[in-house]
Amino acid sequence: MGIRPSAVATLVERASRYTTIVALPDGIKAAQVAQHLTRCLLGIPPHLQRTLTWDRGRKIAEHEAITTETRMPIYLCKPRSPWQRGTNENTNRLLR
């Protein structure tokens, strides 16, 4: 979340560090996140579309719909375990 009402989601492929920043102009509610995330995931090169690991939260409540449309399994981290998404958390820190 930015200072103004703005938000982005970051997708980082662990091995190659391929990074995509997904604008979330409509907010961070699950339906809006799912729409923009699905569009972005379908645009990622196929060899990088294996799985997605996401932190727990209401933003990803539509994960089953995303998996159905992209055929990409989504795994959810354990609560309060950001190290399970270490590469992404480090990238977020660098972007800030």
C-alpha atoms as a PDB file:
ATOM      1  CA  MET A   1       0.000   0.000   0.000  1.00  0.00           C
ATOM      2  CA  GLY A   2       1.234   3.449  -0.846  1.00  0.00           C
ATOM      3  CA  ILE A   3       0.719   6.760   0.942  1.00  0.00           C
ATOM      4  CA  ARG A   4      -2.060   7.695  -1.434  1.00  0.00           C
ATOM      5  CA  PRO A   5      -4.817   5.168  -1.990  1.00  0.00           C
ATOM      6  CA  SER A   6      -2.664   2.979  -4.230  1.00  0.00           C
ATOM      7  CA  ALA A   7      -1.537  -0.618  -4.102  1.00  0.00           C
ATOM      8  CA  VAL A   8       0.528  -3.125  -6.066  1.00  0.00           C
ATOM      9  CA  ALA A   9       1.142  -6.847  -5.918  1.00  0.00           C
ATOM     10  CA  THR A  10       4.571  -8.249  -6.704  1.00  0.00           C
ATOM     11  CA  LEU A  11       5.254 -11.565  -8.387  1.00  0.00           C
ATOM     12  CA  VAL A  12       8.837 -12.828  -8.181  1.00  0.00           C
ATOM     13  CA  GLU A  13      10.066 -16.072  -9.694  1.00  0.00           C
ATOM     14  CA  ARG A  14      12.460 -17.540  -7.156  1.00  0.00           C
ATOM     15  CA  ALA A  15      15.206 -18.977  -9.360  1.00  0.00           C
ATOM     16  CA  SER A  16      15.501 -16.374 -12.128  1.00  0.00           C
ATOM     17  CA  ARG A  17      14.289 -13.379 -10.066  1.00  0.00           C
ATOM     18  CA  TYR A  18      11.875 -12.493 -12.918  1.00  0.00           C
ATOM     19  CA  THR A  19       9.736  -9.784 -11.313  1.00  0.00           C
ATOM     20  CA  THR A  20       6.335  -8.421 -12.266  1.00  0.00           C
ATOM     21  CA  ILE A  21       4.599  -5.568 -10.500  1.00  0.00           C
ATOM     22  CA  VAL A  22       0.820  -5.736 -10.761  1.00  0.00           C
ATOM     23  CA  ALA A  23      -1.031  -2.448 -10.362  1.00  0.00           C
ATOM     24  CA  LEU A  24      -4.163  -2.712  -8.231  1.00  0.00           C
ATOM     25  CA  PRO A  25      -5.962   0.528  -9.153  1.00  0.00           C
ATOM     26  CA  ASP A  26      -9.334  -0.734  -7.921  1.00  0.00           C
ATOM     27  CA  GLY A  27      -8.143  -1.565  -4.404  1.00  0.00           C
ATOM     28  CA  ILE A  28      -7.101  -4.675  -2.510  1.00  0.00           C
ATOM     29  CA  LYS A  29     -10.399  -6.476  -2.158  1.00  0.00           C
ATOM     30  CA  ALA A  30     -10.280 -10.112  -3.268  1.00  0.00           C
ATOM     31  CA  ALA A  31     -12.364  -9.678  -6.437  1.00  0.00           C
ATOM     32  CA  GLN A  32     -10.239  -6.795  -7.738  1.00  0.00           C
ATOM     33  CA  VAL A  33      -6.965  -8.525  -6.858  1.00  0.00           C
ATOM     34  CA  ALA A  34      -8.101 -11.739  -8.582  1.00  0.00           C
ATOM     35  CA  GLN A  35      -9.018  -9.879 -11.763  1.00  0.00           C
ATOM     36  CA  HIS A  36      -5.703  -8.051 -12.109  1.00  0.00           C
ATOM     37  CA  LEU A  37      -3.594 -10.965 -10.881  1.00  0.00           C
ATOM     38  CA  THR A  38      -5.202 -13.399 -13.337  1.00  0.00           C
ATOM     39  CA  ARG A  39      -4.618 -11.017 -16.252  1.00  0.00           C
ATOM     40  CA  CYS A  40      -0.987 -10.611 -15.253  1.00  0.00           C
ATOM     41  CA  LEU A  41      -0.339 -14.320 -14.636  1.00  0.00           C
ATOM     42  CA  LEU A  42      -1.668 -15.195 -18.084  1.00  0.00           C
ATOM     43  CA  GLY A  43       0.909 -12.806 -19.558  1.00  0.00           C
ATOM     44  CA  ILE A  44       3.908 -14.378 -17.833  1.00  0.00           C
ATOM     45  CA  PRO A  45       6.055 -16.666 -20.006  1.00  0.00           C
ATOM     46  CA  PRO A  46       4.711 -20.243 -19.778  1.00  0.00           C
ATOM     47  CA  HIS A  47       7.969 -21.750 -18.470  1.00  0.00           C
ATOM     48  CA  LEU A  48       7.672 -19.498 -15.379  1.00  0.00           C
ATOM     49  CA  GLN A  49       4.063 -20.453 -14.660  1.00  0.00           C
ATOM     50  CA  ARG A  50       4.465 -23.304 -12.215  1.00  0.00           C
ATOM     51  CA  THR A  51       3.061 -22.384  -8.811  1.00  0.00           C
ATOM     52  CA  LEU A  52       2.310 -19.283  -6.791  1.00  0.00           C
ATOM     53  CA  THR A  53       2.969 -18.944  -3.067  1.00  0.00           C
ATOM     54  CA  TRP A  54       0.995 -16.186  -1.364  1.00  0.00           C
ATOM     55  CA  ASP A  55       0.719 -14.903   2.149  1.00  0.00           C
ATOM     56  CA  ARG A  56      -2.526 -15.460   3.962  1.00  0.00           C
ATOM     57  CA  GLY A  57      -5.016 -12.658   3.872  1.00  0.00           C
ATOM     58  CA  ARG A  58      -8.329 -11.557   2.469  1.00  0.00           C
ATOM     59  CA  LYS A  59      -6.669 -10.274  -0.713  1.00  0.00           C
ATOM     60  CA  ILE A  60      -6.232 -13.815  -2.028  1.00  0.00           C
ATOM     61  CA  ALA A  61      -9.628 -15.177  -0.981  1.00  0.00           C
ATOM     62  CA  GLU A  62     -10.428 -15.794  -4.664  1.00  0.00           C
ATOM     63  CA  HIS A  63      -7.400 -18.089  -5.108  1.00  0.00           C
ATOM     64  CA  GLU A  64      -9.531 -20.963  -6.424  1.00  0.00           C
ATOM     65  CA  ALA A  65     -10.875 -18.772  -9.260  1.00  0.00           C
ATOM     66  CA  ILE A  66      -7.328 -17.695 -10.152  1.00  0.00           C
ATOM     67  CA  THR A  67      -6.179 -21.333 -10.220  1.00  0.00           C
ATOM     68  CA  THR A  68      -9.134 -22.311 -12.407  1.00  0.00           C
ATOM     69  CA  GLU A  69      -8.388 -19.612 -14.979  1.00  0.00           C
ATOM     70  CA  THR A  70      -4.595 -19.903 -15.008  1.00  0.00           C
ATOM     71  CA  ARG A  71      -4.173 -23.615 -14.154  1.00  0.00           C
ATOM     72  CA  MET A  72      -1.506 -22.490 -11.692  1.00  0.00           C
ATOM     73  CA  PRO A  73      -1.722 -23.985  -8.196  1.00  0.00           C
ATOM     74  CA  ILE A  74      -1.612 -21.439  -5.376  1.00  0.00           C
ATOM     75  CA  TYR A  75      -0.052 -22.340  -2.046  1.00  0.00           C
ATOM     76  CA  LEU A  76      -0.678 -20.290   1.074  1.00  0.00           C
ATOM     77  CA  CYS A  77       2.041 -19.645   3.639  1.00  0.00           C
ATOM     78  CA  LYS A  78       1.564 -20.495   7.258  1.00  0.00           C
ATOM     79  CA  PRO A  79       0.368 -17.549   9.363  1.00  0.00           C
ATOM     80  CA  ARG A  80       3.134 -15.191  10.489  1.00  0.00           C
ATOM     81  CA  SER A  81       5.730 -17.022   8.360  1.00  0.00           C
ATOM     82  CA  PRO A  82       7.056 -14.464   5.841  1.00  0.00           C
ATOM     83  CA  TRP A  83      10.277 -16.480   5.388  1.00  0.00           C
ATOM     84  CA  GLN A  84       8.226 -18.931   3.314  1.00  0.00           C
ATOM     85  CA  ARG A  85       8.119 -16.154   0.710  1.00  0.00           C
ATOM     86  CA  GLY A  86      11.647 -14.898   1.266  1.00  0.00           C
ATOM     87  CA  THR A  87      12.500 -13.868  -2.288  1.00  0.00           C
ATOM     88  CA  ASN A  88       9.268 -11.924  -2.636  1.00  0.00           C
ATOM     89  CA  GLU A  89       9.599 -10.234   0.760  1.00  0.00           C
ATOM     90  CA  ASN A  90      13.167  -9.183  -0.081  1.00  0.00           C
ATOM     91  CA  THR A  91      12.015  -7.783  -3.442  1.00  0.00           C
ATOM     92  CA  ASN A  92       9.231  -5.832  -1.721  1.00  0.00           C
ATOM     93  CA  ARG A  93      11.784  -4.344   0.676  1.00  0.00           C
ATOM     94  CA  LEU A  94      14.019  -3.305  -2.223  1.00  0.00           C
ATOM     95  CA  LEU A  95      11.097  -1.699  -4.065  1.00  0.00           C
ATOM     96  CA  ARG A  96      10.108   0.328  -1.016  1.00  0.00           C
END
